[in-house]
Amino acid sequence: MNALKKLFGGNTRQFGMIFALVALVIFFQIFTEGRTLTPGNVINLFNGNSYILILAIGMVLVIIAGHIDLSVGSVAAFVGISVALAIRDWHLPWYAAVLFGLLLGALIGAWQGFWTAYVGIPAFIVTLAGMLLFRGFNQFVGKSNTVPVPEDFQYLGSGYLPEVGPKTGYNNLTLLLGLIAVAFVIFSAIRSRRTAQALGAEVQEGWVMVTKLVLVNAAILYATYLFATGRPGTSFPIPGLILAVLVLIYGFISAKTVIGRHIYAVGGNRHAAELSGVQSKKVNFMVMMNMSILAGLAGMIFVGRSTASGPFDGVGWELDAIAAVFIGGAAVTGGVGTVIGSIVGGLVMAVLNNGLQLLGVGADLTQIIKGLVLLAAVAFDVYNKTQGKKSIIGMMMKNFGRSSENAPDETTSTRETISREA
C-alpha cells in the first residue's frame, strides 16, 4: 500500500477517473468477448468522438473561467452548413473553406464574448440565446436541407495517415507517431526531474518515475499497435491527430502561460484577480471566442466524417462536452480543471457509449447509465473537496512526471497565482 501511495501521489482515489477508464475498458473487453480492443473498434471510437473531445478542450477553459456555453452544438452546426454552402456555391478549395469556418467561428465567439465580458450578461443567458439563434440560422441558411461536401474536405473528418515507406505489415507513419510520443514522455519526465533537482525541490524516487514511464509508454505503444494494424486503408485518424495537437497546445497554454494563469485566477476569484492586475473582461472575451472557434472546427470535422451538413447536426453536443469536463474533475464554481482531465472524462463517456452499444444495450438504458455516471463523478469530487482533498484529475496531473507542476489548483489563492508571474 505504501508503494501505491508513492506511485499515485499519496491517495489512490485521486486517480478515480483513470481507474474508471481502465476498469471500463477491461470490463467491456471481457463481456464483449474481445471486441472492445480491436483495431477497427478503437479507430471508430476515436473517429466518432473526436469532435466532442475537441469541444471539451474549449469547454474546460470556459468552465474554469466560471462560465458555461450552451451554444456550441448550434454554432458547430451553423459553421458546418455555412462551409458546405461556401464550397458548393463559391467553389472554395478545402483549405480556404477551413479558414472560412474558423473565421466564422471567431466572429460568433466575438459576438457572444462581447455580451458576456463587456455588457455583463451571464454567459448562460448569452449562450442560451446563441443556441436558439444559431440553430435557427443553420436551418434558415441551409433551408433545412442536407448539403454534401467533396472528398477532399471529407478527409478532414474521416481520413487516415497514408501508407509510406517499406511494407512492414503496419502503418509506418502511425508507428513513427507512437515512437515520437514515447520519446516525448520520457524527455519531459527527465527534464522535469532535473529542473526540480536544480531548484532543490523534492523529487520522486527513481523507481516511482520509472514505473510511471513504463505504464504510460506501454499504453501508448499498445494504442499505436492497434491503430497501425487496422484494416487496409486505415491507420491513426486525421481527427485524432488534430485532437492530439490541440491537447498539446491548450495543455501548454493553460499550465505554462500568463493567459492560462489568468483564466484560473478569474474563475477562482474574479475580484481578487482584478485587484492583482488581471483584465477579467479580456479573459472572459477570449475564452468565449476560443470556444466558438473550436466549435466551428468540431462542426467541420463532423461534416467531413458524415460527408454532408444537415439541419440536425450538433444536437446535444453541448451536453456531452459539459459532461466530459465535469467527469474530468472540473468544478462547477470555476477555477478548477485541466485539459487532460476533460479528455479523460470524454474518453470515459466514449468508452461507456461504445461498450454498451457492443453489448446491445438500448438507447434508453444507455442514457440512464450515462446520467448516473455523471452524477456519481461530480458527487465523488465534491465529497473529496468537502474532506479537504484536491481535485482528482488536478492532483493526478500535478503528480504525474510533474509535467503540470505549474498548473494552478483550487487550494492556491488567486493572489499567490498572480504573484508568481511577477
Protein backbone atom coordinates (compact mmCIF):
# COMPACT_ATOMS: atom_id res chain seq x y z
CA MET A 1 0.00 0.00 0.00
CA ASN A 2 2.88 2.36 0.73
CA ALA A 3 4.24 1.63 -2.73
CA LEU A 4 0.87 2.56 -4.24
CA LYS A 5 0.82 5.79 -2.27
CA LYS A 6 4.24 6.73 -3.58
CA LEU A 7 3.31 5.77 -7.11
CA PHE A 8 0.00 7.63 -7.18
CA GLY A 9 0.86 10.63 -5.04
CA GLY A 10 -0.45 9.56 -1.64
CA ASN A 11 -4.10 8.77 -2.36
CA THR A 12 -5.26 6.30 -4.99
CA ARG A 13 -8.75 7.84 -5.01
CA GLN A 14 -7.25 10.91 -6.67
CA PHE A 15 -6.94 8.77 -9.77
CA GLY A 16 -10.55 7.66 -9.79
CA MET A 17 -11.28 8.70 -13.38
CA ILE A 18 -8.18 6.99 -14.76
CA PHE A 19 -9.03 3.83 -12.84
CA ALA A 20 -12.64 4.10 -14.02
CA LEU A 21 -11.49 4.38 -17.65
CA VAL A 22 -9.19 1.36 -17.34
CA ALA A 23 -11.87 -0.62 -15.48
CA LEU A 24 -14.46 0.17 -18.17
CA VAL A 25 -12.10 -0.96 -20.93
CA ILE A 26 -11.31 -4.21 -19.12
CA PHE A 27 -14.99 -4.84 -18.29
CA PHE A 28 -16.18 -4.34 -21.84
CA GLN A 29 -13.22 -6.25 -23.27
CA ILE A 30 -14.27 -9.27 -21.21
CA PHE A 31 -18.04 -9.07 -21.67
CA THR A 32 -17.90 -8.23 -25.40
CA GLU A 33 -15.63 -11.24 -25.95
CA GLY A 34 -12.66 -9.14 -27.01
CA ARG A 35 -14.44 -6.79 -29.42
CA THR A 36 -13.61 -3.61 -27.49
CA LEU A 37 -9.85 -3.57 -28.03
CA THR A 38 -9.82 -4.43 -31.71
CA PRO A 39 -8.15 -2.08 -34.19
CA GLY A 40 -11.39 -1.36 -36.02
CA ASN A 41 -13.37 -0.56 -32.89
CA VAL A 42 -10.68 1.68 -31.38
CA ILE A 43 -10.32 3.59 -34.64
CA ASN A 44 -14.09 4.04 -34.90
CA LEU A 45 -14.26 5.13 -31.25
CA PHE A 46 -11.78 7.96 -31.86
CA ASN A 47 -13.34 8.93 -35.18
CA GLY A 48 -16.82 9.02 -33.67
CA ASN A 49 -15.91 11.08 -30.60
CA SER A 50 -13.09 13.37 -31.71
CA TYR A 51 -15.41 16.33 -32.29
CA ILE A 52 -16.84 16.03 -28.75
CA LEU A 53 -13.31 15.86 -27.28
CA ILE A 54 -12.36 18.99 -29.23
CA LEU A 55 -15.40 20.76 -27.80
CA ALA A 56 -14.37 19.59 -24.31
CA ILE A 57 -10.99 21.31 -24.70
CA GLY A 58 -12.67 24.67 -25.23
CA MET A 59 -15.41 23.98 -22.71
CA VAL A 60 -12.99 23.27 -19.87
CA LEU A 61 -11.46 26.75 -20.28
CA VAL A 62 -14.93 28.30 -20.28
CA ILE A 63 -15.87 26.41 -17.10
CA ILE A 64 -12.54 27.18 -15.41
CA ALA A 65 -13.28 30.86 -16.04
CA GLY A 66 -16.61 30.42 -14.25
CA HIS A 67 -18.95 30.30 -17.25
CA ILE A 68 -20.90 27.77 -19.31
CA ASP A 69 -21.53 27.64 -23.07
CA LEU A 70 -24.80 26.09 -24.24
CA SER A 71 -24.44 27.20 -27.85
CA VAL A 72 -21.55 25.03 -29.05
CA GLY A 73 -23.73 22.47 -30.82
CA SER A 74 -25.69 25.13 -32.68
CA VAL A 75 -22.52 27.07 -33.53
CA ALA A 76 -20.90 23.90 -34.87
CA ALA A 77 -23.99 23.18 -36.99
CA PHE A 78 -24.15 26.74 -38.36
CA VAL A 79 -20.46 26.79 -39.24
CA GLY A 80 -20.79 23.35 -40.83
CA ILE A 81 -23.69 24.31 -43.10
CA SER A 82 -22.05 27.65 -43.98
CA VAL A 83 -18.81 25.94 -45.00
CA ALA A 84 -20.67 23.30 -47.01
CA LEU A 85 -22.59 26.01 -48.88
CA ALA A 86 -19.42 28.05 -49.43
CA ILE A 87 -17.71 25.03 -51.01
CA ARG A 88 -20.72 24.30 -53.21
CA ASP A 89 -21.64 27.83 -54.27
CA TRP A 90 -18.29 29.66 -54.14
CA HIS A 91 -16.16 26.68 -55.19
CA LEU A 92 -13.74 27.19 -52.33
CA PRO A 93 -10.86 24.70 -52.01
CA TRP A 94 -10.86 22.67 -48.80
CA TYR A 95 -8.14 24.73 -47.06
CA ALA A 96 -9.90 28.03 -47.83
CA ALA A 97 -13.15 26.52 -46.56
CA VAL A 98 -11.47 25.53 -43.29
CA LEU A 99 -10.11 29.05 -42.83
CA PHE A 100 -13.55 30.46 -43.61
CA GLY A 101 -15.11 28.20 -40.97
CA LEU A 102 -12.56 29.18 -38.32
CA LEU A 103 -13.07 32.88 -39.10
CA LEU A 104 -16.84 32.49 -38.87
CA GLY A 105 -16.42 30.73 -35.53
CA ALA A 106 -14.22 33.58 -34.30
CA LEU A 107 -16.83 36.17 -35.30
CA ILE A 108 -19.56 34.24 -33.50
CA GLY A 109 -17.32 33.93 -30.44
CA ALA A 110 -16.58 37.65 -30.51
CA TRP A 111 -20.31 38.35 -30.62
CA GLN A 112 -21.00 36.18 -27.59
CA GLY A 113 -17.85 37.30 -25.80
CA PHE A 114 -18.88 40.94 -26.17
CA TRP A 115 -22.23 40.40 -24.46
CA THR A 116 -20.66 38.30 -21.73
CA ALA A 117 -17.49 40.24 -20.99
CA TYR A 118 -18.33 43.86 -21.74
CA VAL A 119 -22.11 44.10 -21.30
CA GLY A 120 -22.12 41.80 -18.29
CA ILE A 121 -24.89 39.39 -19.28
CA PRO A 122 -24.25 35.94 -17.76
CA ALA A 123 -22.76 33.50 -20.26
CA PHE A 124 -25.55 31.04 -19.51
CA ILE A 125 -28.12 33.50 -20.88
CA VAL A 126 -25.96 34.70 -23.77
CA THR A 127 -25.22 31.19 -24.99
CA LEU A 128 -28.78 30.01 -24.41
CA ALA A 129 -29.82 32.78 -26.78
CA GLY A 130 -26.98 31.74 -29.08
CA MET A 131 -28.16 28.15 -29.05
CA LEU A 132 -31.57 29.26 -30.38
CA LEU A 133 -30.15 31.92 -32.68
CA PHE A 134 -27.58 29.81 -34.50
CA ARG A 135 -29.83 26.74 -34.65
CA GLY A 136 -32.30 28.97 -36.47
CA PHE A 137 -29.54 30.35 -38.72
CA ASN A 138 -28.46 26.80 -39.53
CA GLN A 139 -31.94 25.88 -40.74
CA PHE A 140 -32.53 29.26 -42.43
CA VAL A 141 -29.27 29.34 -44.38
CA GLY A 142 -29.43 25.69 -45.34
CA LYS A 143 -33.22 25.75 -45.90
CA SER A 144 -33.34 22.62 -43.70
CA ASN A 145 -31.62 20.65 -46.46
CA THR A 146 -28.61 18.34 -46.41
CA VAL A 147 -25.60 19.78 -48.25
CA PRO A 148 -22.83 17.33 -49.28
CA VAL A 149 -19.13 18.17 -49.26
CA PRO A 150 -16.43 16.94 -51.68
CA GLU A 151 -14.00 14.11 -50.92
CA ASP A 152 -11.02 16.36 -50.22
CA PHE A 153 -12.98 18.04 -47.41
CA GLN A 154 -14.20 14.68 -46.12
CA TYR A 155 -10.57 13.78 -45.44
CA LEU A 156 -10.63 16.26 -42.54
CA GLY A 157 -13.16 14.13 -40.67
CA SER A 158 -12.63 10.62 -42.00
CA GLY A 159 -9.08 10.49 -43.35
CA TYR A 160 -6.13 8.45 -42.08
CA LEU A 161 -2.38 8.75 -42.11
CA PRO A 162 -1.21 7.48 -45.51
CA GLU A 163 0.96 4.45 -46.21
CA VAL A 164 4.60 5.43 -46.79
CA GLY A 165 7.91 3.62 -46.82
CA PRO A 166 8.58 -0.11 -46.98
CA LYS A 167 5.87 -2.69 -46.41
CA THR A 168 6.14 -3.72 -42.76
CA GLY A 169 2.63 -5.00 -42.17
CA TYR A 170 1.93 -1.85 -40.15
CA ASN A 171 1.20 1.77 -40.97
CA ASN A 172 4.68 3.29 -40.76
CA LEU A 173 3.56 6.85 -40.01
CA THR A 174 1.43 5.60 -37.12
CA LEU A 175 4.42 3.69 -35.72
CA LEU A 176 6.59 6.79 -36.06
CA LEU A 177 3.95 8.90 -34.29
CA GLY A 178 3.82 6.41 -31.41
CA LEU A 179 7.61 6.38 -31.03
CA ILE A 180 7.67 10.18 -31.03
CA ALA A 181 5.03 10.19 -28.27
CA VAL A 182 7.08 7.74 -26.17
CA ALA A 183 10.23 9.81 -26.63
CA PHE A 184 8.36 12.99 -25.69
CA VAL A 185 7.00 11.46 -22.48
CA ILE A 186 10.44 10.22 -21.42
CA PHE A 187 12.15 13.51 -22.30
CA SER A 188 9.53 15.57 -20.43
CA ALA A 189 9.80 13.41 -17.30
CA ILE A 190 13.62 13.56 -17.23
CA ARG A 191 13.71 17.30 -17.89
CA SER A 192 11.14 18.00 -15.17
CA ARG A 193 13.11 15.86 -12.69
CA ARG A 194 16.38 17.63 -13.47
CA THR A 195 14.73 21.03 -13.18
CA ALA A 196 13.29 20.12 -9.78
CA GLN A 197 16.69 18.86 -8.60
CA ALA A 198 18.40 22.05 -9.78
CA LEU A 199 15.90 24.12 -7.79
CA GLY A 200 16.38 21.99 -4.70
CA ALA A 201 12.80 20.76 -4.78
CA GLU A 202 11.71 17.34 -3.63
CA VAL A 203 11.71 14.73 -6.41
CA GLN A 204 10.12 11.35 -6.70
CA GLU A 205 12.14 8.23 -6.05
CA GLY A 206 13.75 6.81 -9.17
CA TRP A 207 11.66 3.62 -9.20
CA VAL A 208 8.46 5.65 -8.99
CA MET A 209 9.33 7.67 -12.09
CA VAL A 210 10.48 4.58 -13.99
CA THR A 211 7.30 2.66 -13.10
CA LYS A 212 5.10 5.53 -14.26
CA LEU A 213 7.03 5.81 -17.51
CA VAL A 214 6.73 2.08 -18.14
CA LEU A 215 2.96 2.10 -17.55
CA VAL A 216 2.29 5.19 -19.66
CA ASN A 217 4.57 4.17 -22.51
CA ALA A 218 3.14 0.65 -22.52
CA ALA A 219 -0.33 2.15 -23.01
CA ILE A 220 0.97 4.41 -25.80
CA LEU A 221 2.71 1.53 -27.59
CA TYR A 222 -0.33 -0.73 -27.33
CA ALA A 223 -2.57 2.01 -28.72
CA THR A 224 -0.04 2.56 -31.51
CA TYR A 225 -0.16 -1.15 -32.33
CA LEU A 226 -3.96 -1.07 -32.53
CA PHE A 227 -4.01 1.97 -34.80
CA ALA A 228 -1.22 0.62 -37.02
CA THR A 229 -2.85 -2.79 -37.58
CA GLY A 230 -6.31 -1.79 -38.72
CA ARG A 231 -7.87 -2.98 -41.94
CA PRO A 232 -6.11 -1.86 -45.15
CA GLY A 233 -6.56 1.85 -45.79
CA THR A 234 -6.97 2.75 -42.11
CA SER A 235 -4.45 3.93 -39.52
CA PHE A 236 -4.31 6.74 -36.99
CA PRO A 237 -7.25 9.00 -37.95
CA ILE A 238 -6.75 12.62 -39.01
CA PRO A 239 -9.32 13.85 -36.42
CA GLY A 240 -7.26 12.09 -33.75
CA LEU A 241 -4.12 13.83 -35.00
CA ILE A 242 -5.87 17.22 -34.84
CA LEU A 243 -7.08 16.38 -31.33
CA ALA A 244 -3.57 15.42 -30.18
CA VAL A 245 -2.12 18.69 -31.47
CA LEU A 246 -4.86 20.70 -29.74
CA VAL A 247 -4.30 18.85 -26.45
CA LEU A 248 -0.59 19.72 -26.55
CA ILE A 249 -1.24 23.36 -27.44
CA TYR A 250 -4.02 24.02 -24.96
CA GLY A 251 -2.37 21.95 -22.24
CA PHE A 252 0.69 24.18 -22.56
CA ILE A 253 -1.35 27.38 -22.68
CA SER A 254 -3.42 26.52 -19.62
CA ALA A 255 -0.48 25.36 -17.48
CA LYS A 256 2.53 27.35 -18.64
CA THR A 257 1.42 30.79 -19.88
CA VAL A 258 0.23 34.04 -18.36
CA ILE A 259 -3.17 33.89 -20.06
CA GLY A 260 -3.64 30.39 -18.69
CA ARG A 261 -2.89 31.64 -15.17
CA HIS A 262 -5.33 34.47 -15.64
CA ILE A 263 -8.14 32.11 -16.69
CA TYR A 264 -7.70 30.14 -13.46
CA ALA A 265 -7.46 33.35 -11.44
CA VAL A 266 -10.65 34.84 -12.88
CA GLY A 267 -12.56 31.63 -12.31
CA GLY A 268 -11.23 31.23 -8.78
CA ASN A 269 -11.93 34.77 -7.59
CA ARG A 270 -12.62 37.45 -10.17
CA HIS A 271 -12.46 40.41 -7.80
CA ALA A 272 -9.16 39.32 -6.27
CA ALA A 273 -7.78 38.72 -9.77
CA GLU A 274 -8.76 42.22 -10.86
CA LEU A 275 -7.08 43.70 -7.77
CA SER A 276 -3.95 41.79 -8.81
CA GLY A 277 -4.00 43.40 -12.26
CA VAL A 278 -5.83 40.76 -14.31
CA GLN A 279 -8.07 42.14 -17.06
CA SER A 280 -11.05 39.90 -16.40
CA LYS A 281 -13.13 41.29 -19.27
CA LYS A 282 -10.39 40.45 -21.74
CA VAL A 283 -10.03 36.96 -20.31
CA ASN A 284 -13.79 36.30 -20.48
CA PHE A 285 -13.94 37.62 -24.04
CA MET A 286 -11.08 35.39 -25.15
CA VAL A 287 -12.41 32.16 -23.62
CA MET A 288 -15.82 32.68 -25.21
CA MET A 289 -14.32 33.45 -28.61
CA ASN A 290 -11.95 30.49 -28.37
CA MET A 291 -14.87 28.19 -27.58
CA SER A 292 -16.71 29.16 -30.74
CA ILE A 293 -13.58 28.72 -32.86
CA LEU A 294 -13.20 25.17 -31.57
CA ALA A 295 -16.93 24.60 -32.05
CA GLY A 296 -16.52 25.63 -35.69
CA LEU A 297 -13.61 23.21 -36.08
CA ALA A 298 -15.62 20.40 -34.46
CA GLY A 299 -18.52 21.12 -36.79
CA MET A 300 -16.30 20.90 -39.86
CA ILE A 301 -14.76 17.62 -38.68
CA PHE A 302 -18.23 16.17 -38.18
CA VAL A 303 -19.35 17.32 -41.63
CA GLY A 304 -16.25 15.72 -43.13
CA ARG A 305 -16.96 12.44 -41.34
CA SER A 306 -20.66 12.37 -42.23
CA THR A 307 -19.94 13.60 -45.84
CA ALA A 308 -22.64 16.29 -45.58
CA SER A 309 -24.05 19.01 -43.35
CA GLY A 310 -27.66 18.76 -42.20
CA PRO A 311 -30.24 20.65 -40.13
CA PHE A 312 -29.92 18.37 -37.10
CA ASP A 313 -26.13 18.41 -36.73
CA GLY A 314 -24.84 19.38 -33.29
CA VAL A 315 -27.97 18.48 -31.31
CA GLY A 316 -26.95 17.68 -27.74
CA TRP A 317 -23.23 18.20 -28.30
CA GLU A 318 -23.01 20.87 -25.62
CA LEU A 319 -24.29 18.40 -23.01
CA ASP A 320 -21.71 15.78 -23.97
CA ALA A 321 -18.89 18.34 -23.81
CA ILE A 322 -20.03 19.68 -20.44
CA ALA A 323 -20.36 16.15 -19.06
CA ALA A 324 -16.83 15.31 -20.21
CA VAL A 325 -15.42 18.36 -18.44
CA PHE A 326 -17.17 17.67 -15.13
CA ILE A 327 -16.36 13.97 -15.18
CA GLY A 328 -12.76 15.03 -15.79
CA GLY A 329 -12.61 16.88 -12.48
CA ALA A 330 -13.61 20.48 -13.23
CA ALA A 331 -15.51 22.44 -10.58
CA VAL A 332 -18.96 23.89 -11.17
CA THR A 333 -17.89 27.08 -9.41
CA GLY A 334 -14.88 27.62 -11.70
CA GLY A 335 -11.17 27.92 -11.09
CA VAL A 336 -10.51 24.16 -11.30
CA GLY A 337 -9.94 21.80 -14.22
CA THR A 338 -7.38 20.62 -16.75
CA VAL A 339 -7.34 19.95 -20.47
CA ILE A 340 -6.11 16.39 -19.91
CA GLY A 341 -8.86 15.87 -17.34
CA SER A 342 -11.54 16.85 -19.83
CA ILE A 343 -10.10 14.40 -22.38
CA VAL A 344 -10.12 11.62 -19.78
CA GLY A 345 -13.73 12.45 -18.94
CA GLY A 346 -14.67 12.44 -22.60
CA LEU A 347 -12.99 9.07 -23.10
CA VAL A 348 -14.88 7.63 -20.13
CA MET A 349 -18.17 8.63 -21.77
CA ALA A 350 -16.98 7.45 -25.21
CA VAL A 351 -15.92 4.01 -23.93
CA LEU A 352 -19.17 3.72 -21.97
CA ASN A 353 -21.24 4.53 -25.05
CA ASN A 354 -19.24 2.22 -27.28
CA GLY A 355 -19.22 -0.68 -24.84
CA LEU A 356 -22.95 -0.51 -24.21
CA GLN A 357 -23.60 -0.48 -27.95
CA LEU A 358 -21.42 -3.56 -28.39
CA LEU A 359 -23.43 -5.27 -25.65
CA GLY A 360 -26.66 -4.38 -27.43
CA VAL A 361 -27.97 -2.12 -24.65
CA GLY A 362 -30.82 0.13 -25.79
CA ALA A 363 -30.57 3.90 -26.13
CA ASP A 364 -32.93 4.46 -23.20
CA LEU A 365 -30.83 2.48 -20.71
CA THR A 366 -27.64 3.98 -22.13
CA GLN A 367 -28.87 7.50 -21.32
CA ILE A 368 -29.83 6.42 -17.79
CA ILE A 369 -26.37 4.93 -17.17
CA LYS A 370 -24.58 7.99 -18.57
CA GLY A 371 -26.62 10.27 -16.31
CA LEU A 372 -25.78 8.21 -13.25
CA VAL A 373 -22.07 8.16 -14.17
CA LEU A 374 -22.02 11.96 -14.50
CA LEU A 375 -23.80 12.44 -11.18
CA ALA A 376 -21.53 9.95 -9.40
CA ALA A 377 -18.34 11.52 -10.79
CA VAL A 378 -19.28 15.04 -9.71
CA ALA A 379 -20.57 13.84 -6.32
CA PHE A 380 -17.30 11.97 -5.74
CA ASP A 381 -15.24 15.07 -6.50
CA VAL A 382 -17.46 17.26 -4.30
CA TYR A 383 -17.07 14.77 -1.46
CA ASN A 384 -13.27 14.86 -1.83
CA LYS A 385 -13.28 18.65 -1.61
CA THR A 386 -15.51 18.69 1.46
CA GLN A 387 -12.97 16.35 3.08
CA GLY A 388 -10.17 18.78 2.28
CA LYS A 389 -8.79 16.79 -0.66
CA LYS A 390 -7.85 18.15 -4.02
CA SER A 391 -9.43 17.62 -7.41
CA ILE A 392 -8.91 14.08 -8.72
CA ILE A 393 -7.56 14.94 -12.15
CA GLY A 394 -5.83 18.10 -10.98
CA MET A 395 -3.76 16.15 -8.46
CA MET A 396 -3.11 13.41 -10.99
CA MET A 397 -1.58 15.86 -13.45
CA LYS A 398 0.39 17.56 -10.70
CA ASN A 399 1.97 14.30 -9.62
CA PHE A 400 2.50 12.54 -12.95
CA GLY A 401 6.04 13.32 -14.04
CA ARG A 402 5.48 16.76 -12.53
CA SER A 403 4.62 17.74 -16.10
CA SER A 404 1.86 20.05 -14.95
CA GLU A 405 3.58 21.31 -11.84
CA ASN A 406 2.77 24.88 -12.81
CA ALA A 407 -0.95 24.27 -13.23
CA PRO A 408 -2.91 26.13 -10.55
CA ASP A 409 -5.11 24.08 -8.25
CA GLU A 410 -8.11 25.04 -6.20
CA THR A 411 -6.17 25.32 -2.95
CA THR A 412 -3.87 28.03 -4.24
CA SER A 413 -5.06 31.56 -3.66
CA THR A 414 -5.55 33.83 -6.60
CA ARG A 415 -3.06 36.37 -5.30
CA GLU A 416 -0.39 33.69 -4.99
CA THR A 417 -1.11 32.56 -8.53
CA ILE A 418 -0.65 36.05 -9.93
CA SER A 419 2.33 36.96 -7.76
CA ARG A 420 4.32 34.02 -9.11
CA GLU A 421 4.16 35.60 -12.56
CA ALA A 422 5.70 38.86 -11.47
